[in-house]
Each structure stands twice: as structure tokens, then as C-alpha cells.
């Protein structure tokens, strides 16, 4: 279901169509608004357009880094699972060998 959500960013109103909940979309708009406002408060010469571009670049940078971080975590988990599988195979082999040796000792 697509929700139509009214948001405000730096005094401009927008209607956003999103499958996300209204509260979620509003929280995103508030985050963008806060970041733009913070930039403009830090530098009074900054135009709204420039602040929006800088905010967009910052958010894109954070998104890209989070994706890369997620990819790294997935690679590490895959490697750990592969190693774990090999270790379980080796453990099973060693247990069987241990049982064979116990039986040989019991036979003597």
C-alpha cells in the first residue's frame, strides 16, 4: 500500500508517495531538515540549494559506506561459515579416529 505523506523541509511542503509508514517518512524529512538547518546555521552565506546539495552528498556518502560495511560483514560471515564447516568435518573425522584408537587399546 502506498501512503501519501505531507512533509516540510526548510519551509517548503511536499507530498511524498511511499510504501513506508507516515511516521517513518516524517522522521526522514525531519532528519534532512535538521541537517540542512545545521549547515545553514554554521555558514550564513550558504544558500538553501547548496545546503541541500551538501546534505544529499553527506547522506549518499553515509549510505555508500553502510552498504560497503554490510558487504564486508556478509563476506566475513561467509568465510566464518565456510571455516566452521571445514572445522566440523575435521572434528568428525578426529572423533572417529579417536574411537578407532580407543577400540584398539581396549583390544590389547
Protein backbone atom coordinates (compact mmCIF):
# COMPACT_ATOMS: atom_id res chain seq x y z
CA UNK A 1 0.00 0.00 0.00
CA UNK A 2 1.31 3.42 -0.95
CA UNK A 3 0.95 6.15 1.65
CA UNK A 4 0.78 9.81 0.72
CA UNK A 5 2.67 11.73 3.37
CA UNK A 6 2.89 15.51 3.71
CA UNK A 7 6.30 16.73 4.83
CA UNK A 8 8.03 20.06 5.24
CA UNK A 9 11.69 20.75 4.57
CA UNK A 10 13.01 24.24 5.22
CA UNK A 11 9.57 25.80 4.84
CA UNK A 12 8.65 24.03 1.60
CA UNK A 13 5.84 21.49 1.65
CA UNK A 14 5.96 18.23 -0.26
CA UNK A 15 3.66 15.26 -0.64
CA UNK A 16 5.61 12.02 -0.77
CA UNK A 17 4.19 8.72 -2.05
CA UNK A 18 5.84 5.87 -0.16
CA UNK A 19 5.15 2.32 0.95
CA UNK A 20 6.70 3.27 4.30
CA UNK A 21 4.67 4.43 7.27
CA UNK A 22 3.81 8.09 7.68
CA UNK A 23 5.84 8.35 10.88
CA UNK A 24 8.90 6.90 9.17
CA UNK A 25 8.73 9.29 6.20
CA UNK A 26 8.22 12.23 8.54
CA UNK A 27 11.25 11.15 10.58
CA UNK A 28 13.34 11.10 7.39
CA UNK A 29 12.14 14.58 6.46
CA UNK A 30 12.97 15.82 9.96
CA UNK A 31 16.47 14.37 9.70
CA UNK A 32 17.06 16.08 6.35
CA UNK A 33 15.56 19.34 7.63
CA UNK A 34 17.74 19.27 10.76
CA UNK A 35 20.90 18.60 8.76
CA UNK A 36 20.16 21.38 6.25
CA UNK A 37 19.32 23.82 9.05
CA UNK A 38 22.54 22.93 10.90
CA UNK A 39 24.61 23.62 7.78
CA UNK A 40 22.88 26.93 7.17
CA UNK A 41 23.30 27.95 10.82
CA UNK A 42 27.04 27.20 10.59
CA UNK A 43 27.51 29.30 7.45
CA UNK A 44 25.07 32.15 6.87
CA UNK A 45 26.38 32.62 3.30
CA UNK A 46 25.23 29.13 2.31
CA UNK A 47 22.20 29.07 0.05
CA UNK A 48 19.36 26.63 0.58
CA UNK A 49 20.27 24.86 -2.65
CA UNK A 50 23.90 24.49 -1.60
CA UNK A 51 22.86 23.19 1.84
CA UNK A 52 20.52 20.67 0.20
CA UNK A 53 23.30 19.52 -2.17
CA UNK A 54 25.77 19.15 0.72
CA UNK A 55 23.18 17.26 2.76
CA UNK A 56 22.46 14.97 -0.19
CA UNK A 57 26.17 14.26 -0.68
CA UNK A 58 26.61 13.53 3.04
CA UNK A 59 23.63 11.16 3.08
CA UNK A 60 24.83 9.43 -0.11
CA UNK A 61 28.30 9.06 1.43
CA UNK A 62 26.88 7.51 4.61
CA UNK A 63 24.66 5.17 2.59
CA UNK A 64 27.55 4.00 0.41
CA UNK A 65 29.77 3.38 3.45
CA UNK A 66 26.99 1.45 5.20
CA UNK A 67 26.48 -0.70 2.10
CA UNK A 68 30.23 -1.41 1.92
CA UNK A 69 30.23 -2.23 5.62
CA UNK A 70 27.29 -4.61 5.10
CA UNK A 71 29.11 -6.27 2.18
CA UNK A 72 32.23 -6.72 4.33
CA UNK A 73 30.20 -8.25 7.15
CA UNK A 74 28.50 -10.65 4.70
CA UNK A 75 31.90 -11.70 3.29
CA UNK A 76 33.26 -12.27 6.79
CA UNK A 77 30.21 -14.32 7.79
CA UNK A 78 30.51 -16.43 4.66
CA UNK A 79 34.18 -17.03 5.41
CA UNK A 80 33.42 -17.91 9.04
CA UNK A 81 30.68 -20.31 7.97
CA UNK A 82 32.98 -21.99 5.44
CA UNK A 83 35.73 -22.32 8.04
CA UNK A 84 33.26 -23.62 10.58
CA UNK A 85 32.01 -26.23 8.13
CA UNK A 86 35.58 -27.39 7.47
CA UNK A 87 36.31 -27.48 11.20
CA UNK A 88 33.19 -29.58 11.84
CA UNK A 89 34.27 -32.03 9.18
CA UNK A 90 37.71 -32.29 10.71
CA UNK A 91 36.23 -32.69 14.19
CA UNK A 92 34.01 -35.51 12.97
CA UNK A 93 37.00 -37.25 11.37
CA UNK A 94 39.09 -36.87 14.55
CA UNK A 95 36.28 -38.27 16.72
CA UNK A 96 36.07 -41.33 14.50
CA UNK A 97 39.82 -41.76 14.64
CA UNK A 98 39.69 -41.39 18.43
CA UNK A 99 37.05 -44.11 18.67
CA UNK A 100 39.14 -46.43 16.49
CA UNK A 101 42.18 -45.86 18.69
CA UNK A 102 40.13 -46.48 21.87
CA UNK A 103 38.90 -49.79 20.46
CA UNK A 104 42.44 -50.81 19.51
CA UNK A 105 43.66 -50.02 23.03
CA UNK A 106 40.79 -51.93 24.59
CA UNK A 107 41.68 -54.95 22.44
CA UNK A 108 45.23 -55.13 23.78
